[in-house]
Each structure stands twice: as C-alpha cells, then as structure tokens.
Amino acid sequence: MALARRLAVAVAALLGLALAVFGAWFAFVLGPKGTAAFHATSNAPLVIGPSVLNRVNAPVTVSAHAASGPVFLGAAVPQDVDELVGKSKHNFVASASFPARTLTIEQLGSGDLEDPSESHVWRATGEGSVTVTQDQAPQAVLLYPTKGGSFDVDVVVARNTWFLQSLVALVVGLIVVAFAGGWLWQSWRAAPEGGEPTEPVAADSTLPSQPTDPVTTPTEVPDHAPDGSPTENRTENPTERPERAEEAR
C-alpha cells in the first residue's frame, strides 16, 4: 500500500514537472500578447482558407513580402476565391503547424492567374498585409505577387488569454511538483529512521515463571528423644538450630 502511494505521488510529480515546463515554454514562445506566428515561402499565388484563418476566435493578420515588387492581398468568401482562382496554377495552405510555426503548402492547377485586384468579390484588400476578423467567418485570403516570383508569407494570430493560460499551467505545475516532491522527501527521510512498525509480543503462558525466594518450612520436633526421655513438644524452626548448638557447647 505504501509503495503504491509513493508511485502515484511520483507520477503526479512528473506530470506537474511536464506541465510546468510546457507552460513556461508556451509563455516564452507566445509572449505577453499571446502571439502565434507561422511562416512559409510560396512560388505562386497563394490561397489561405478558413481552416487556418478561422481556426480560433481571434484576429488573424496575413502579410507578405516579395523581392520582385508589391504583393496584393484580398479577403473574401471561400467559394468566391475558389471560383476566381479556378484551375490556374496556385498554392494552397493545407494546415498550420505549432509549435513548428510553419505553413504546409500544396500546389494546385496549371496556367497563369490574371491580376485579381480589380475583382468585386473582395471584402477587404491590402498591399503587403490584411487583417481578418472572425465576425465575417468563414473567409479566405488570396496573395498575388503583382510582378511574379516567390514571396514570403507570415500569418500571425494574437490572443491574450493564451499567455495567461500558459502562466496558469506553469504555476499549477510548480505547485504539484512542490507538494509531491515534499511528500516524497519526507517519506524517504522517515523510512530509515522509523523503520517498519513491529507488533507487540503477546504474553505467553508457557514462559518459565520468575524464581521465587525459598520458603522455609518449619520442622515438627518429636515428643520423645531417642533414649525415651520426654522432649518439649513444639515446632522448631531450622534457623534456631545453630543457636542451640552454640548453647550446647
């Protein structure tokens, strides 16, 4: 029973340590503003769908930079973006990986995409960056380099509660480690000092009794002496014999 309890406390200490480590790491990565950033490089027009933009209830900022020139960004309903892109060559963001903080890109279609900046489907547009809010979800963003070539993409999601949740995980983990570690330490110190409890020994009636002082038994003195002469009839105590022997001398 004691061993099982120690194992359970040891497992709790390990879980608390893992929780504290992850909480500290997430707090460091996300920062006080709770910002998660994802990065990728695309060699063709890029579409970011609602699986990334509307994954959490927080604003998402998409920015892009190309060495060849400016990059157009437009936000619209996903179906409208799909119709606009059609079967032309473009890239699609399949997923965002955290904590790797990367975007997984897949290539679709063939042929060149015409400049989409003049389309009427856009809810919001920008050059270099655009911010998508969740009140109009679902949404998709198209990134189009006006001069062609490759460009870098950054997707940033900010949520203040993430940082607070990381701190809570850190504090809870430290508390669990402190209590579990203290209990294990006290148990480890008490084991060699106290040892295993011993059962009391019951009294055994077969054990030899304690020796007692010898009791002197009085000796009865006969009424007649060996020669037939009468003697005083009384009880003689053996302890008186030495005194009588002394008187006889």
Protein backbone atom coordinates (compact mmCIF):
# COMPACT_ATOMS: atom_id res chain seq x y z
CA MET A 1 0.00 0.00 0.00
CA ALA A 2 2.78 2.42 0.90
CA LEU A 3 4.70 1.55 -2.29
CA ALA A 4 1.64 2.16 -4.48
CA ARG A 5 1.10 5.52 -2.81
CA ARG A 6 4.70 6.53 -3.43
CA LEU A 7 4.44 5.53 -7.10
CA ALA A 8 1.25 7.56 -7.50
CA VAL A 9 2.86 10.62 -5.92
CA ALA A 10 5.96 10.19 -8.11
CA VAL A 11 3.79 10.08 -11.25
CA ALA A 12 1.97 13.21 -10.08
CA ALA A 13 5.32 14.95 -9.59
CA LEU A 14 6.42 14.04 -13.14
CA LEU A 15 3.13 15.29 -14.60
CA GLY A 16 3.44 18.52 -12.65
CA LEU A 17 7.00 18.97 -13.92
CA ALA A 18 5.89 18.41 -17.53
CA LEU A 19 3.02 20.88 -17.09
CA ALA A 20 5.38 23.49 -15.66
CA VAL A 21 7.90 23.03 -18.49
CA PHE A 22 5.25 23.30 -21.21
CA GLY A 23 3.66 26.30 -19.54
CA ALA A 24 7.00 28.11 -19.32
CA TRP A 25 7.85 27.23 -22.91
CA PHE A 26 4.49 28.40 -24.31
CA ALA A 27 4.68 31.61 -22.28
CA PHE A 28 8.13 32.28 -23.74
CA VAL A 29 7.10 31.47 -27.33
CA LEU A 30 3.78 33.32 -27.31
CA GLY A 31 4.97 36.33 -25.33
CA PRO A 32 2.84 38.68 -23.22
CA LYS A 33 0.46 39.35 -26.14
CA GLY A 34 -0.14 35.67 -26.83
CA THR A 35 1.06 35.83 -30.42
CA ALA A 36 1.46 32.72 -32.58
CA ALA A 37 3.29 33.35 -35.88
CA PHE A 38 3.54 30.99 -38.88
CA HIS A 39 5.87 31.37 -41.85
CA ALA A 40 6.21 29.93 -45.34
CA THR A 41 7.55 30.75 -48.82
CA SER A 42 5.37 30.45 -51.91
CA ASN A 43 6.45 30.41 -55.58
CA ALA A 44 2.93 31.05 -56.93
CA PRO A 45 -0.27 32.89 -55.93
CA LEU A 46 -1.33 31.56 -52.56
CA VAL A 47 -4.77 30.86 -51.05
CA ILE A 48 -5.23 30.65 -47.27
CA GLY A 49 -8.56 29.07 -46.34
CA PRO A 50 -10.84 29.14 -43.28
CA SER A 51 -9.14 26.06 -41.76
CA VAL A 52 -6.27 28.43 -40.87
CA LEU A 53 -7.91 31.86 -40.75
CA ASN A 54 -10.98 30.85 -38.73
CA ARG A 55 -9.45 28.17 -36.55
CA VAL A 56 -9.55 30.25 -33.35
CA ASN A 57 -11.69 33.14 -32.24
CA ALA A 58 -9.04 35.83 -32.68
CA PRO A 59 -7.98 38.32 -35.38
CA VAL A 60 -5.53 36.98 -37.97
CA THR A 61 -3.04 39.19 -39.78
CA VAL A 62 -1.63 37.96 -43.10
CA SER A 63 1.42 39.73 -44.51
CA ALA A 64 3.66 39.07 -47.49
CA HIS A 65 6.90 40.39 -48.94
CA ALA A 66 8.35 39.77 -52.42
CA ALA A 67 11.73 40.83 -53.77
CA SER A 68 10.18 41.47 -57.19
CA GLY A 69 7.60 44.01 -56.02
CA PRO A 70 4.37 44.55 -54.07
CA VAL A 71 2.01 41.72 -53.12
CA PHE A 72 -1.77 42.09 -53.36
CA LEU A 73 -3.90 40.52 -50.60
CA GLY A 74 -7.67 40.15 -50.77
CA ALA A 75 -10.14 38.60 -48.29
CA ALA A 76 -13.45 37.16 -49.45
CA VAL A 77 -15.87 34.25 -49.10
CA PRO A 78 -14.01 30.94 -49.72
CA GLN A 79 -16.33 29.92 -52.60
CA ASP A 80 -15.74 33.24 -54.39
CA VAL A 81 -11.97 32.87 -54.08
CA ASP A 82 -12.12 29.32 -55.44
CA GLU A 83 -14.13 30.47 -58.47
CA LEU A 84 -11.76 33.36 -59.09
CA VAL A 85 -8.67 31.16 -58.97
CA GLY A 86 -10.29 28.31 -60.86
CA LYS A 87 -7.83 25.83 -62.39
CA SER A 88 -4.95 28.26 -62.70
CA LYS A 89 -1.64 27.49 -61.05
CA HIS A 90 -1.66 28.46 -57.39
CA ASN A 91 -0.64 27.22 -53.99
CA PHE A 92 -2.96 26.33 -51.12
CA VAL A 93 -2.23 26.35 -47.36
CA ALA A 94 -3.37 22.98 -46.09
CA SER A 95 -2.51 23.46 -42.42
CA ALA A 96 -0.58 25.47 -39.86
CA SER A 97 1.78 23.57 -37.54
CA PHE A 98 2.52 24.63 -33.97
CA PRO A 99 4.99 24.66 -32.25
CA ALA A 100 6.88 24.26 -35.55
CA ARG A 101 5.21 27.56 -36.63
CA THR A 102 5.17 26.59 -40.29
CA LEU A 103 2.54 26.53 -43.03
CA THR A 104 2.06 23.37 -45.08
CA ILE A 105 1.65 24.34 -48.77
CA GLU A 106 0.20 22.26 -51.59
CA GLN A 107 0.33 23.14 -55.30
CA LEU A 108 -2.78 23.00 -57.50
CA GLY A 109 -3.79 23.78 -61.09
CA SER A 110 -1.83 24.99 -64.09
CA GLY A 111 -1.58 28.15 -66.17
CA ASP A 112 -1.21 31.78 -65.14
CA LEU A 113 -3.67 33.62 -62.92
CA GLU A 114 -4.77 37.03 -64.12
CA ASP A 115 -4.47 40.05 -61.81
CA PRO A 116 -7.34 39.63 -59.31
CA SER A 117 -7.03 43.03 -57.65
CA GLU A 118 -9.92 44.54 -59.63
CA SER A 119 -12.42 41.80 -58.79
CA HIS A 120 -15.65 42.74 -56.98
CA VAL A 121 -15.59 39.73 -54.61
CA TRP A 122 -13.23 41.26 -52.06
CA ARG A 123 -14.45 42.20 -48.61
CA ALA A 124 -11.06 43.64 -47.63
CA THR A 125 -7.88 44.31 -49.59
CA GLY A 126 -4.37 45.43 -48.81
CA GLU A 127 -0.88 45.73 -50.21
CA GLY A 128 1.59 43.84 -48.09
CA SER A 129 -0.86 42.87 -45.33
CA VAL A 130 -4.51 42.40 -44.42
CA THR A 131 -6.28 41.58 -41.13
CA VAL A 132 -9.18 39.15 -40.96
CA THR A 133 -11.67 39.26 -38.09
CA GLN A 134 -13.92 36.42 -37.03
CA ASP A 135 -17.21 38.30 -37.28
CA GLN A 136 -17.40 37.54 -41.02
CA ALA A 137 -16.18 33.92 -40.92
CA PRO A 138 -15.64 31.81 -42.92
CA GLN A 139 -13.14 33.70 -45.06
CA ALA A 140 -10.25 33.06 -47.43
CA VAL A 141 -7.32 35.25 -48.42
CA LEU A 142 -5.61 35.33 -51.81
CA LEU A 143 -2.00 36.55 -52.04
CA TYR A 144 -0.90 37.62 -55.52
CA PRO A 145 2.58 38.97 -56.37
CA THR A 146 1.99 41.65 -58.99
CA LYS A 147 5.46 41.17 -60.53
CA GLY A 148 5.55 37.38 -60.14
CA GLY A 149 8.23 35.34 -58.44
CA SER A 150 8.43 33.90 -54.94
CA PHE A 151 7.40 35.72 -51.80
CA ASP A 152 7.46 35.19 -48.02
CA VAL A 153 4.22 34.78 -46.09
CA ASP A 154 3.56 35.37 -42.41
CA VAL A 155 0.34 34.52 -40.60
CA VAL A 156 0.03 35.97 -37.09
CA VAL A 157 -2.69 35.11 -34.58
CA ALA A 158 -2.86 37.09 -31.33
CA ARG A 159 -4.86 36.09 -28.27
CA ASN A 160 -4.05 37.47 -24.82
CA THR A 161 -5.65 34.56 -22.95
CA TRP A 162 -3.02 32.16 -24.33
CA PHE A 163 -0.28 33.84 -22.33
CA LEU A 164 -2.41 33.81 -19.16
CA GLN A 165 -3.24 30.14 -19.68
CA SER A 166 0.47 29.38 -20.07
CA LEU A 167 1.20 31.12 -16.77
CA VAL A 168 -1.59 29.19 -15.04
CA ALA A 169 -0.17 25.91 -16.33
CA LEU A 170 3.29 26.94 -15.10
CA VAL A 171 2.07 27.84 -11.60
CA VAL A 172 -0.13 24.74 -11.22
CA GLY A 173 2.73 22.51 -12.38
CA LEU A 174 5.12 24.07 -9.87
CA ILE A 175 2.61 23.64 -7.04
CA VAL A 176 2.11 19.97 -7.88
CA VAL A 177 5.87 19.40 -8.05
CA ALA A 178 6.40 21.18 -4.71
CA PHE A 179 3.75 19.19 -2.82
CA ALA A 180 4.57 15.83 -4.40
CA GLY A 181 8.32 16.34 -4.04
CA GLY A 182 7.94 17.42 -0.40
CA TRP A 183 5.84 14.38 0.42
CA LEU A 184 8.34 12.04 -1.24
CA TRP A 185 11.22 13.69 0.59
CA GLN A 186 9.53 13.37 3.98
CA SER A 187 8.60 9.77 3.24
CA TRP A 188 12.15 8.95 2.18
CA ARG A 189 13.62 10.52 5.32
CA ALA A 190 11.14 8.89 7.68
CA ALA A 191 11.59 5.37 6.27
CA PRO A 192 15.16 4.66 7.53
CA GLU A 193 14.60 6.42 10.88
CA GLY A 194 11.29 4.92 11.90
CA GLY A 195 11.65 1.61 10.15
CA GLU A 196 8.81 -0.82 9.84
CA PRO A 197 6.40 -0.91 12.79
CA THR A 198 6.71 -4.00 14.97
CA GLU A 199 3.81 -5.88 16.50
CA PRO A 200 3.65 -6.17 20.29
CA VAL A 201 4.59 -9.58 21.70
CA ALA A 202 1.67 -11.22 23.48
CA ALA A 203 2.20 -12.73 26.89
CA ASP A 204 2.91 -16.47 26.67
CA SER A 205 1.73 -18.69 29.48
CA THR A 206 4.39 -21.28 28.59
CA LEU A 207 7.26 -18.97 29.52
CA PRO A 208 9.05 -20.01 32.74
CA SER A 209 7.94 -18.14 35.81
CA GLN A 210 10.30 -15.94 37.74
CA PRO A 211 12.21 -17.73 40.56
CA THR A 212 10.81 -17.10 43.97
CA ASP A 213 12.53 -16.91 47.29
CA PRO A 214 12.70 -20.23 49.04
CA VAL A 215 10.20 -20.59 51.84
CA THR A 216 11.49 -22.19 54.99
CA THR A 217 9.19 -24.99 56.12
CA PRO A 218 9.00 -25.45 59.86
CA THR A 219 10.05 -28.88 61.19
CA GLU A 220 8.00 -30.79 63.74
CA VAL A 221 10.08 -31.85 66.75
CA PRO A 222 9.17 -35.37 68.19
CA ASP A 223 7.72 -35.69 71.68
CA HIS A 224 10.37 -38.22 72.89
CA ALA A 225 14.09 -38.24 72.46
CA PRO A 226 15.80 -41.34 71.06
CA ASP A 227 16.61 -42.56 74.62
CA GLY A 228 12.94 -42.42 75.62
CA SER A 229 13.12 -39.23 77.65
CA PRO A 230 10.31 -36.76 77.03
CA THR A 231 11.01 -33.64 74.99
CA GLU A 232 9.21 -30.40 74.71
CA ASN A 233 6.51 -30.70 72.09
CA ARG A 234 6.82 -27.68 69.86
CA THR A 235 7.60 -26.65 66.39
CA GLU A 236 11.24 -25.98 65.77
CA ASN A 237 12.44 -23.52 63.30
CA PRO A 238 15.55 -24.70 61.42
CA THR A 239 17.03 -21.25 61.78
CA GLU A 240 17.23 -21.76 65.55
CA ARG A 241 19.39 -24.87 65.29
CA PRO A 242 22.75 -23.09 65.08
CA GLU A 243 21.90 -21.10 68.20
CA ARG A 244 21.10 -24.24 70.18
CA ALA A 245 24.26 -25.88 69.01
CA GLU A 246 26.19 -22.93 70.33
CA GLU A 247 24.46 -23.14 73.72
CA ALA A 248 25.24 -26.87 73.97
CA ARG A 249 28.93 -26.12 73.69
